[in-house]
PDB file of all heavy atoms in Angstrom:
ATOM      1  N   GLY A   1     -10.233  24.746 -10.165  1.00  0.00           N
ATOM      2  CA  GLY A   1      -9.366  23.678  -9.691  1.00  0.00           C
ATOM      3  C   GLY A   1      -9.055  22.611 -10.708  1.00  0.00           C
ATOM      4  O   GLY A   1      -8.532  21.550 -10.364  1.00  0.00           O
ATOM      5  N   PHE A   2      -9.358  22.881 -11.992  1.00  0.00           N
ATOM      6  CA  PHE A   2      -9.004  21.971 -13.075  1.00  0.00           C
ATOM      7  C   PHE A   2      -7.999  22.666 -14.003  1.00  0.00           C
ATOM      8  O   PHE A   2      -8.205  23.826 -14.379  1.00  0.00           O
ATOM      9  CB  PHE A   2     -10.227  21.572 -13.904  1.00  0.00           C
ATOM     10  CG  PHE A   2     -11.207  20.698 -13.178  1.00  0.00           C
ATOM     11  CD1 PHE A   2     -12.306  21.245 -12.544  1.00  0.00           C
ATOM     12  CD2 PHE A   2     -11.025  19.318 -13.133  1.00  0.00           C
ATOM     13  CE1 PHE A   2     -13.219  20.449 -11.871  1.00  0.00           C
ATOM     14  CE2 PHE A   2     -11.933  18.504 -12.460  1.00  0.00           C
ATOM     15  CZ  PHE A   2     -13.027  19.075 -11.824  1.00  0.00           C
ATOM     16  N   VAL A   3      -6.934  21.979 -14.333  1.00  0.00           N
ATOM     17  CA  VAL A   3      -5.988  22.496 -15.316  1.00  0.00           C
ATOM     18  C   VAL A   3      -6.419  21.984 -16.690  1.00  0.00           C
ATOM     19  O   VAL A   3      -6.506  20.765 -16.909  1.00  0.00           O
ATOM     20  CB  VAL A   3      -4.546  22.035 -15.030  1.00  0.00           C
ATOM     21  CG1 VAL A   3      -3.589  22.626 -16.073  1.00  0.00           C
ATOM     22  CG2 VAL A   3      -4.114  22.451 -13.627  1.00  0.00           C
ATOM     23  N   PHE A   4      -6.707  22.917 -17.595  1.00  0.00           N
ATOM     24  CA  PHE A   4      -7.058  22.575 -18.975  1.00  0.00           C
ATOM     25  C   PHE A   4      -5.833  22.858 -19.844  1.00  0.00           C
ATOM     26  O   PHE A   4      -5.388  24.002 -19.943  1.00  0.00           O
ATOM     27  CB  PHE A   4      -8.250  23.400 -19.451  1.00  0.00           C
ATOM     28  CG  PHE A   4      -9.531  23.109 -18.708  1.00  0.00           C
ATOM     29  CD1 PHE A   4      -9.842  23.794 -17.547  1.00  0.00           C
ATOM     30  CD2 PHE A   4     -10.397  22.129 -19.163  1.00  0.00           C
ATOM     31  CE1 PHE A   4     -11.016  23.524 -16.853  1.00  0.00           C
ATOM     32  CE2 PHE A   4     -11.574  21.847 -18.477  1.00  0.00           C
ATOM     33  CZ  PHE A   4     -11.883  22.546 -17.319  1.00  0.00           C
ATOM     34  N   THR A   5      -5.272  21.825 -20.444  1.00  0.00           N
ATOM     35  CA  THR A   5      -4.063  21.939 -21.250  1.00  0.00           C
ATOM     36  C   THR A   5      -4.399  21.655 -22.703  1.00  0.00           C
ATOM     37  O   THR A   5      -4.666  20.509 -23.077  1.00  0.00           O
ATOM     38  CB  THR A   5      -2.970  20.966 -20.754  1.00  0.00           C
ATOM     39  OG1 THR A   5      -2.733  21.180 -19.357  1.00  0.00           O
ATOM     40  CG2 THR A   5      -1.672  21.180 -21.518  1.00  0.00           C
ATOM     41  N   PHE A   6      -4.387  22.708 -23.535  1.00  0.00           N
ATOM     42  CA  PHE A   6      -4.765  22.586 -24.943  1.00  0.00           C
ATOM     43  C   PHE A   6      -3.535  22.549 -25.849  1.00  0.00           C
ATOM     44  O   PHE A   6      -2.616  23.357 -25.687  1.00  0.00           O
ATOM     45  CB  PHE A   6      -5.629  23.775 -25.370  1.00  0.00           C
ATOM     46  CG  PHE A   6      -7.048  23.734 -24.878  1.00  0.00           C
ATOM     47  CD1 PHE A   6      -7.397  24.315 -23.668  1.00  0.00           C
ATOM     48  CD2 PHE A   6      -8.035  23.099 -25.623  1.00  0.00           C
ATOM     49  CE1 PHE A   6      -8.707  24.281 -23.216  1.00  0.00           C
ATOM     50  CE2 PHE A   6      -9.349  23.064 -25.187  1.00  0.00           C
ATOM     51  CZ  PHE A   6      -9.686  23.656 -23.970  1.00  0.00           C
ATOM     52  N   PHE A   7      -3.559  21.644 -26.806  1.00  0.00           N
ATOM     53  CA  PHE A   7      -2.524  21.585 -27.831  1.00  0.00           C
ATOM     54  C   PHE A   7      -3.042  22.345 -29.052  1.00  0.00           C
ATOM     55  O   PHE A   7      -4.004  21.922 -29.690  1.00  0.00           O
ATOM     56  CB  PHE A   7      -2.207  20.134 -28.181  1.00  0.00           C
ATOM     57  CG  PHE A   7      -1.437  19.420 -27.111  1.00  0.00           C
ATOM     58  CD1 PHE A   7      -2.060  19.030 -25.930  1.00  0.00           C
ATOM     59  CD2 PHE A   7      -0.072  19.164 -27.261  1.00  0.00           C
ATOM     60  CE1 PHE A   7      -1.342  18.398 -24.927  1.00  0.00           C
ATOM     61  CE2 PHE A   7       0.643  18.531 -26.264  1.00  0.00           C
ATOM     62  CZ  PHE A   7       0.013  18.145 -25.098  1.00  0.00           C
ATOM     63  N   VAL A   8      -2.392  23.473 -29.328  1.00  0.00           N
ATOM     64  CA  VAL A   8      -2.859  24.361 -30.398  1.00  0.00           C
ATOM     65  C   VAL A   8      -1.852  24.318 -31.540  1.00  0.00           C
ATOM     66  O   VAL A   8      -0.842  25.024 -31.538  1.00  0.00           O
ATOM     67  CB  VAL A   8      -3.037  25.805 -29.882  1.00  0.00           C
ATOM     68  CG1 VAL A   8      -3.562  26.712 -30.997  1.00  0.00           C
ATOM     69  CG2 VAL A   8      -3.997  25.827 -28.692  1.00  0.00           C
ATOM     70  N   SER A   9      -2.105  23.444 -32.507  1.00  0.00           N
ATOM     71  CA  SER A   9      -1.211  23.304 -33.653  1.00  0.00           C
ATOM     72  C   SER A   9      -1.973  22.595 -34.762  1.00  0.00           C
ATOM     73  O   SER A   9      -3.114  22.184 -34.587  1.00  0.00           O
ATOM     74  CB  SER A   9       0.043  22.507 -33.279  1.00  0.00           C
ATOM     75  OG  SER A   9      -0.278  21.164 -32.991  1.00  0.00           O
ATOM     76  N   SER A  10      -1.312  22.463 -35.899  1.00  0.00           N
ATOM     77  CA  SER A  10      -1.954  21.839 -37.060  1.00  0.00           C
ATOM     78  C   SER A  10      -1.510  20.398 -37.261  1.00  0.00           C
ATOM     79  O   SER A  10      -1.849  19.780 -38.266  1.00  0.00           O
ATOM     80  CB  SER A  10      -1.654  22.661 -38.323  1.00  0.00           C
ATOM     81  OG  SER A  10      -2.146  23.977 -38.195  1.00  0.00           O
ATOM     82  N   HIS A  11      -0.729  19.847 -36.332  1.00  0.00           N
ATOM     83  CA  HIS A  11      -0.301  18.467 -36.474  1.00  0.00           C
ATOM     84  C   HIS A  11      -0.620  17.682 -35.203  1.00  0.00           C
ATOM     85  O   HIS A  11      -0.962  18.255 -34.170  1.00  0.00           O
ATOM     86  CB  HIS A  11       1.193  18.367 -36.825  1.00  0.00           C
ATOM     87  CG  HIS A  11       2.088  19.119 -35.891  1.00  0.00           C
ATOM     88  ND1 HIS A  11       2.207  20.489 -35.891  1.00  0.00           N
ATOM     89  CD2 HIS A  11       2.936  18.670 -34.937  1.00  0.00           C
ATOM     90  CE1 HIS A  11       3.092  20.865 -34.983  1.00  0.00           C
ATOM     91  NE2 HIS A  11       3.528  19.781 -34.384  1.00  0.00           N
ATOM     92  N   LEU A  12      -0.534  16.378 -35.303  1.00  0.00           N
ATOM     93  CA  LEU A  12      -0.956  15.512 -34.215  1.00  0.00           C
ATOM     94  C   LEU A  12      -0.109  15.718 -32.962  1.00  0.00           C
ATOM     95  O   LEU A  12       1.109  15.902 -33.041  1.00  0.00           O
ATOM     96  CB  LEU A  12      -0.864  14.043 -34.636  1.00  0.00           C
ATOM     97  CG  LEU A  12      -1.886  13.557 -35.666  1.00  0.00           C
ATOM     98  CD1 LEU A  12      -1.597  12.096 -36.014  1.00  0.00           C
ATOM     99  CD2 LEU A  12      -3.302  13.701 -35.135  1.00  0.00           C
ATOM    100  N   PRO A  13      -0.740  15.657 -31.798  1.00  0.00           N
ATOM    101  CA  PRO A  13       0.007  15.766 -30.536  1.00  0.00           C
ATOM    102  C   PRO A  13       0.821  14.501 -30.313  1.00  0.00           C
ATOM    103  O   PRO A  13       0.638  13.494 -31.009  1.00  0.00           O
ATOM    104  CB  PRO A  13      -1.113  15.912 -29.495  1.00  0.00           C
ATOM    105  CG  PRO A  13      -2.289  15.259 -30.124  1.00  0.00           C
ATOM    106  CD  PRO A  13      -2.179  15.526 -31.589  1.00  0.00           C
ATOM    107  N   PRO A  14       1.741  14.503 -29.345  1.00  0.00           N
ATOM    108  CA  PRO A  14       2.559  13.321 -29.060  1.00  0.00           C
ATOM    109  C   PRO A  14       1.694  12.078 -28.810  1.00  0.00           C
ATOM    110  O   PRO A  14       0.722  12.125 -28.038  1.00  0.00           O
ATOM    111  CB  PRO A  14       3.342  13.731 -27.802  1.00  0.00           C
ATOM    112  CG  PRO A  14       3.417  15.225 -27.889  1.00  0.00           C
ATOM    113  CD  PRO A  14       2.121  15.657 -28.493  1.00  0.00           C
ATOM    114  N   VAL A  15       2.046  10.993 -29.450  1.00  0.00           N
ATOM    115  CA  VAL A  15       1.252   9.760 -29.384  1.00  0.00           C
ATOM    116  C   VAL A  15       0.983   9.282 -27.949  1.00  0.00           C
ATOM    117  O   VAL A  15      -0.143   8.866 -27.637  1.00  0.00           O
ATOM    118  CB  VAL A  15       1.938   8.641 -30.204  1.00  0.00           C
ATOM    119  CG1 VAL A  15       1.218   7.311 -29.999  1.00  0.00           C
ATOM    120  CG2 VAL A  15       1.948   9.012 -31.684  1.00  0.00           C
ATOM    121  N   PRO A  16       1.973   9.313 -27.030  1.00  0.00           N
ATOM    122  CA  PRO A  16       1.698   8.811 -25.676  1.00  0.00           C
ATOM    123  C   PRO A  16       0.572   9.552 -24.954  1.00  0.00           C
ATOM    124  O   PRO A  16      -0.003   9.017 -24.000  1.00  0.00           O
ATOM    125  CB  PRO A  16       3.037   9.010 -24.957  1.00  0.00           C
ATOM    126  CG  PRO A  16       4.058   9.002 -26.044  1.00  0.00           C
ATOM    127  CD  PRO A  16       3.397   9.694 -27.193  1.00  0.00           C
ATOM    128  N   LEU A  17       0.273  10.780 -25.402  1.00  0.00           N
ATOM    129  CA  LEU A  17      -0.753  11.572 -24.724  1.00  0.00           C
ATOM    130  C   LEU A  17      -2.158  11.330 -25.269  1.00  0.00           C
ATOM    131  O   LEU A  17      -3.142  11.744 -24.652  1.00  0.00           O
ATOM    132  CB  LEU A  17      -0.425  13.074 -24.850  1.00  0.00           C
ATOM    133  CG  LEU A  17       0.880  13.541 -24.222  1.00  0.00           C
ATOM    134  CD1 LEU A  17       1.059  15.039 -24.459  1.00  0.00           C
ATOM    135  CD2 LEU A  17       0.908  13.248 -22.725  1.00  0.00           C
ATOM    136  N   LEU A  18      -2.263  10.674 -26.400  1.00  0.00           N
ATOM    137  CA  LEU A  18      -3.556  10.537 -27.077  1.00  0.00           C
ATOM    138  C   LEU A  18      -4.650   9.922 -26.195  1.00  0.00           C
ATOM    139  O   LEU A  18      -5.802  10.362 -26.258  1.00  0.00           O
ATOM    140  CB  LEU A  18      -3.389   9.727 -28.360  1.00  0.00           C
ATOM    141  CG  LEU A  18      -2.436  10.319 -29.419  1.00  0.00           C
ATOM    142  CD1 LEU A  18      -2.470   9.478 -30.689  1.00  0.00           C
ATOM    143  CD2 LEU A  18      -2.798  11.760 -29.733  1.00  0.00           C
ATOM    144  N   PRO A  19      -4.355   8.908 -25.360  1.00  0.00           N
ATOM    145  CA  PRO A  19      -5.423   8.332 -24.535  1.00  0.00           C
ATOM    146  C   PRO A  19      -6.008   9.314 -23.518  1.00  0.00           C
ATOM    147  O   PRO A  19      -7.103   9.073 -22.995  1.00  0.00           O
ATOM    148  CB  PRO A  19      -4.731   7.159 -23.822  1.00  0.00           C
ATOM    149  CG  PRO A  19      -3.557   6.827 -24.687  1.00  0.00           C
ATOM    150  CD  PRO A  19      -3.100   8.147 -25.221  1.00  0.00           C
ATOM    151  N   GLY A  20      -5.295  10.400 -23.227  1.00  0.00           N
ATOM    152  CA  GLY A  20      -5.763  11.348 -22.220  1.00  0.00           C
ATOM    153  C   GLY A  20      -6.783  12.351 -22.720  1.00  0.00           C
ATOM    154  O   GLY A  20      -7.381  13.088 -21.927  1.00  0.00           O
ATOM    155  N   PHE A  21      -6.998  12.408 -24.036  1.00  0.00           N
ATOM    156  CA  PHE A  21      -7.938  13.369 -24.592  1.00  0.00           C
ATOM    157  C   PHE A  21      -9.357  12.795 -24.623  1.00  0.00           C
ATOM    158  O   PHE A  21      -9.548  11.577 -24.590  1.00  0.00           O
ATOM    159  CB  PHE A  21      -7.521  13.757 -26.008  1.00  0.00           C
ATOM    160  CG  PHE A  21      -6.136  14.316 -26.108  1.00  0.00           C
ATOM    161  CD1 PHE A  21      -5.256  13.865 -27.090  1.00  0.00           C
ATOM    162  CD2 PHE A  21      -5.689  15.281 -25.219  1.00  0.00           C
ATOM    163  CE1 PHE A  21      -3.970  14.373 -27.179  1.00  0.00           C
ATOM    164  CE2 PHE A  21      -4.406  15.788 -25.300  1.00  0.00           C
ATOM    165  CZ  PHE A  21      -3.541  15.331 -26.282  1.00  0.00           C
ATOM    166  N   LEU A  22     -10.339  13.675 -24.702  1.00  0.00           N
ATOM    167  CA  LEU A  22     -11.719  13.249 -24.880  1.00  0.00           C
ATOM    168  C   LEU A  22     -11.835  12.440 -26.168  1.00  0.00           C
ATOM    169  O   LEU A  22     -11.426  12.890 -27.237  1.00  0.00           O
ATOM    170  CB  LEU A  22     -12.636  14.475 -24.944  1.00  0.00           C
ATOM    171  CG  LEU A  22     -14.117  14.228 -25.232  1.00  0.00           C
ATOM    172  CD1 LEU A  22     -14.757  13.396 -24.128  1.00  0.00           C
ATOM    173  CD2 LEU A  22     -14.848  15.553 -25.400  1.00  0.00           C
ATOM    174  N   GLN A  23     -12.397  11.243 -26.054  1.00  0.00           N
ATOM    175  CA  GLN A  23     -12.499  10.336 -27.193  1.00  0.00           C
ATOM    176  C   GLN A  23     -13.905  10.360 -27.784  1.00  0.00           C
ATOM    177  O   GLN A  23     -14.889  10.664 -27.107  1.00  0.00           O
ATOM    178  CB  GLN A  23     -12.158   8.908 -26.760  1.00  0.00           C
ATOM    179  CG  GLN A  23     -10.798   8.766 -26.087  1.00  0.00           C
ATOM    180  CD  GLN A  23      -9.634   9.029 -27.032  1.00  0.00           C
ATOM    181  OE1 GLN A  23      -9.618   8.503 -28.150  1.00  0.00           O
ATOM    182  NE2 GLN A  23      -8.660   9.816 -26.577  1.00  0.00           N
ATOM    183  N   LYS A  24     -13.992   9.998 -29.066  1.00  0.00           N
ATOM    184  CA  LYS A  24     -15.293  10.003 -29.728  1.00  0.00           C
ATOM    185  C   LYS A  24     -16.258   8.974 -29.163  1.00  0.00           C
ATOM    186  O   LYS A  24     -17.474   9.072 -29.373  1.00  0.00           O
ATOM    187  CB  LYS A  24     -15.124   9.796 -31.235  1.00  0.00           C
ATOM    188  CG  LYS A  24     -14.748  11.074 -31.974  1.00  0.00           C
ATOM    189  CD  LYS A  24     -15.069  10.973 -33.443  1.00  0.00           C
ATOM    190  CE  LYS A  24     -15.011  12.349 -34.099  1.00  0.00           C
ATOM    191  NZ  LYS A  24     -15.396  12.300 -35.529  1.00  0.00           N
ATOM    192  N   ASP A  25     -15.730   7.983 -28.443  1.00  0.00           N
ATOM    193  CA  ASP A  25     -16.622   6.999 -27.824  1.00  0.00           C
ATOM    194  C   ASP A  25     -17.231   7.519 -26.525  1.00  0.00           C
ATOM    195  O   ASP A  25     -17.952   6.801 -25.829  1.00  0.00           O
ATOM    196  CB  ASP A  25     -15.891   5.678 -27.586  1.00  0.00           C
ATOM    197  CG  ASP A  25     -14.754   5.798 -26.561  1.00  0.00           C
ATOM    198  OD1 ASP A  25     -14.555   6.898 -25.999  1.00  0.00           O
ATOM    199  OD2 ASP A  25     -14.060   4.790 -26.330  1.00  0.00           O
ATOM    200  N   GLY A  26     -16.920   8.789 -26.199  1.00  0.00           N
ATOM    201  CA  GLY A  26     -17.502   9.389 -25.001  1.00  0.00           C
ATOM    202  C   GLY A  26     -16.731   9.139 -23.731  1.00  0.00           C
ATOM    203  O   GLY A  26     -17.282   9.227 -22.628  1.00  0.00           O
ATOM    204  N   SER A  27     -15.448   8.852 -23.825  1.00  0.00           N
ATOM    205  CA  SER A  27     -14.624   8.624 -22.638  1.00  0.00           C
ATOM    206  C   SER A  27     -13.603   9.748 -22.475  1.00  0.00           C
ATOM    207  O   SER A  27     -13.144  10.340 -23.446  1.00  0.00           O
ATOM    208  CB  SER A  27     -13.902   7.274 -22.721  1.00  0.00           C
ATOM    209  OG  SER A  27     -13.015   7.237 -23.822  1.00  0.00           O
ATOM    210  N   LEU A  28     -13.292  10.043 -21.228  1.00  0.00           N
ATOM    211  CA  LEU A  28     -12.315  11.085 -20.901  1.00  0.00           C
ATOM    212  C   LEU A  28     -11.549  10.653 -19.666  1.00  0.00           C
ATOM    213  O   LEU A  28     -12.139  10.296 -18.641  1.00  0.00           O
ATOM    214  CB  LEU A  28     -13.014  12.421 -20.637  1.00  0.00           C
ATOM    215  CG  LEU A  28     -12.132  13.555 -20.114  1.00  0.00           C
ATOM    216  CD1 LEU A  28     -11.074  13.955 -21.148  1.00  0.00           C
ATOM    217  CD2 LEU A  28     -12.974  14.767 -19.718  1.00  0.00           C
ATOM    218  N   LEU A  29     -10.223  10.698 -19.752  1.00  0.00           N
ATOM    219  CA  LEU A  29      -9.364  10.331 -18.639  1.00  0.00           C
ATOM    220  C   LEU A  29      -8.883  11.608 -17.946  1.00  0.00           C
ATOM    221  O   LEU A  29      -8.168  12.405 -18.544  1.00  0.00           O
ATOM    222  CB  LEU A  29      -8.178   9.519 -19.148  1.00  0.00           C
ATOM    223  CG  LEU A  29      -7.368   8.721 -18.123  1.00  0.00           C
ATOM    224  CD1 LEU A  29      -8.241   7.669 -17.437  1.00  0.00           C
ATOM    225  CD2 LEU A  29      -6.172   8.052 -18.800  1.00  0.00           C
ATOM    226  N   ILE A  30      -9.300  11.812 -16.706  1.00  0.00           N
ATOM    227  CA  ILE A  30      -8.910  12.997 -15.944  1.00  0.00           C
ATOM    228  C   ILE A  30      -7.817  12.606 -14.954  1.00  0.00           C
ATOM    229  O   ILE A  30      -8.008  11.703 -14.125  1.00  0.00           O
ATOM    230  CB  ILE A  30     -10.117  13.591 -15.190  1.00  0.00           C
ATOM    231  CG1 ILE A  30     -11.183  14.066 -16.188  1.00  0.00           C
ATOM    232  CG2 ILE A  30      -9.680  14.746 -14.291  1.00  0.00           C
ATOM    233  CD1 ILE A  30     -12.419  14.652 -15.522  1.00  0.00           C
ATOM    234  N   ALA A  31      -6.682  13.269 -15.048  1.00  0.00           N
ATOM    235  CA  ALA A  31      -5.597  13.029 -14.092  1.00  0.00           C
ATOM    236  C   ALA A  31      -5.925  13.734 -12.777  1.00  0.00           C
ATOM    237  O   ALA A  31      -6.554  14.788 -12.763  1.00  0.00           O
ATOM    238  CB  ALA A  31      -4.276  13.546 -14.655  1.00  0.00           C
ATOM    239  N   ILE A  32      -5.501  13.150 -11.674  1.00  0.00           N
ATOM    240  CA  ILE A  32      -5.695  13.744 -10.344  1.00  0.00           C
ATOM    241  C   ILE A  32      -4.320  13.909  -9.713  1.00  0.00           C
ATOM    242  O   ILE A  32      -3.607  12.933  -9.489  1.00  0.00           O
ATOM    243  CB  ILE A  32      -6.584  12.845  -9.461  1.00  0.00           C
ATOM    244  CG1 ILE A  32      -7.930  12.584 -10.139  1.00  0.00           C
ATOM    245  CG2 ILE A  32      -6.781  13.473  -8.082  1.00  0.00           C
ATOM    246  CD1 ILE A  32      -8.765  11.541  -9.433  1.00  0.00           C
ATOM    247  N   ARG A  33      -3.951  15.168  -9.441  1.00  0.00           N
ATOM    248  CA  ARG A  33      -2.598  15.421  -8.933  1.00  0.00           C
ATOM    249  C   ARG A  33      -2.633  16.406  -7.780  1.00  0.00           C
ATOM    250  O   ARG A  33      -3.380  17.391  -7.802  1.00  0.00           O
ATOM    251  CB  ARG A  33      -1.699  15.958 -10.046  1.00  0.00           C
ATOM    252  CG  ARG A  33      -1.495  14.997 -11.210  1.00  0.00           C
ATOM    253  CD  ARG A  33      -0.579  15.573 -12.246  1.00  0.00           C
ATOM    254  NE  ARG A  33       0.774  15.774 -11.737  1.00  0.00           N
ATOM    255  CZ  ARG A  33       1.737  16.397 -12.408  1.00  0.00           C
ATOM    256  NH1 ARG A  33       1.494  16.891 -13.615  1.00  0.00           N
ATOM    257  NH2 ARG A  33       2.933  16.532 -11.886  1.00  0.00           N
ATOM    258  N   GLU A  34      -1.789  16.154  -6.793  1.00  0.00           N
ATOM    259  CA  GLU A  34      -1.613  17.097  -5.691  1.00  0.00           C
ATOM    260  C   GLU A  34      -0.928  18.351  -6.214  1.00  0.00           C
ATOM    261  O   GLU A  34      -0.044  18.276  -7.081  1.00  0.00           O
ATOM    262  CB  GLU A  34      -0.770  16.467  -4.586  1.00  0.00           C
ATOM    263  CG  GLU A  34      -1.487  15.432  -3.744  1.00  0.00           C
ATOM    264  CD  GLU A  34      -2.386  16.064  -2.689  1.00  0.00           C
ATOM    265  OE1 GLU A  34      -1.884  16.818  -1.833  1.00  0.00           O
ATOM    266  OE2 GLU A  34      -3.600  15.796  -2.722  1.00  0.00           O
ATOM    267  N   ILE A  35      -1.309  19.495  -5.669  1.00  0.00           N
ATOM    268  CA  ILE A  35      -0.741  20.756  -6.138  1.00  0.00           C
ATOM    269  C   ILE A  35       0.777  20.771  -5.961  1.00  0.00           C
ATOM    270  O   ILE A  35       1.499  21.392  -6.756  1.00  0.00           O
ATOM    271  CB  ILE A  35      -1.400  21.955  -5.413  1.00  0.00           C
ATOM    272  CG1 ILE A  35      -1.001  23.268  -6.100  1.00  0.00           C
ATOM    273  CG2 ILE A  35      -1.059  21.980  -3.939  1.00  0.00           C
ATOM    274  CD1 ILE A  35      -1.767  24.475  -5.602  1.00  0.00           C
ATOM    275  N   THR A  36       1.280  20.074  -4.965  1.00  0.00           N
ATOM    276  CA  THR A  36       2.723  20.017  -4.723  1.00  0.00           C
ATOM    277  C   THR A  36       3.461  19.253  -5.820  1.00  0.00           C
ATOM    278  O   THR A  36       4.679  19.342  -5.938  1.00  0.00           O
ATOM    279  CB  THR A  36       3.021  19.374  -3.360  1.00  0.00           C
ATOM    280  OG1 THR A  36       2.336  18.119  -3.276  1.00  0.00           O
ATOM    281  CG2 THR A  36       2.550  20.276  -2.225  1.00  0.00           C
TER     282      THR A  36
END
């Protein structure tokens, strides 16, 4: 029931998405969305 979305490339992902990734300070932002 978790969607794991991986960016597989050699360059940085889009800047607006950066806060959503696991951070080195040990924080992770998990989105919660209805299947609809």
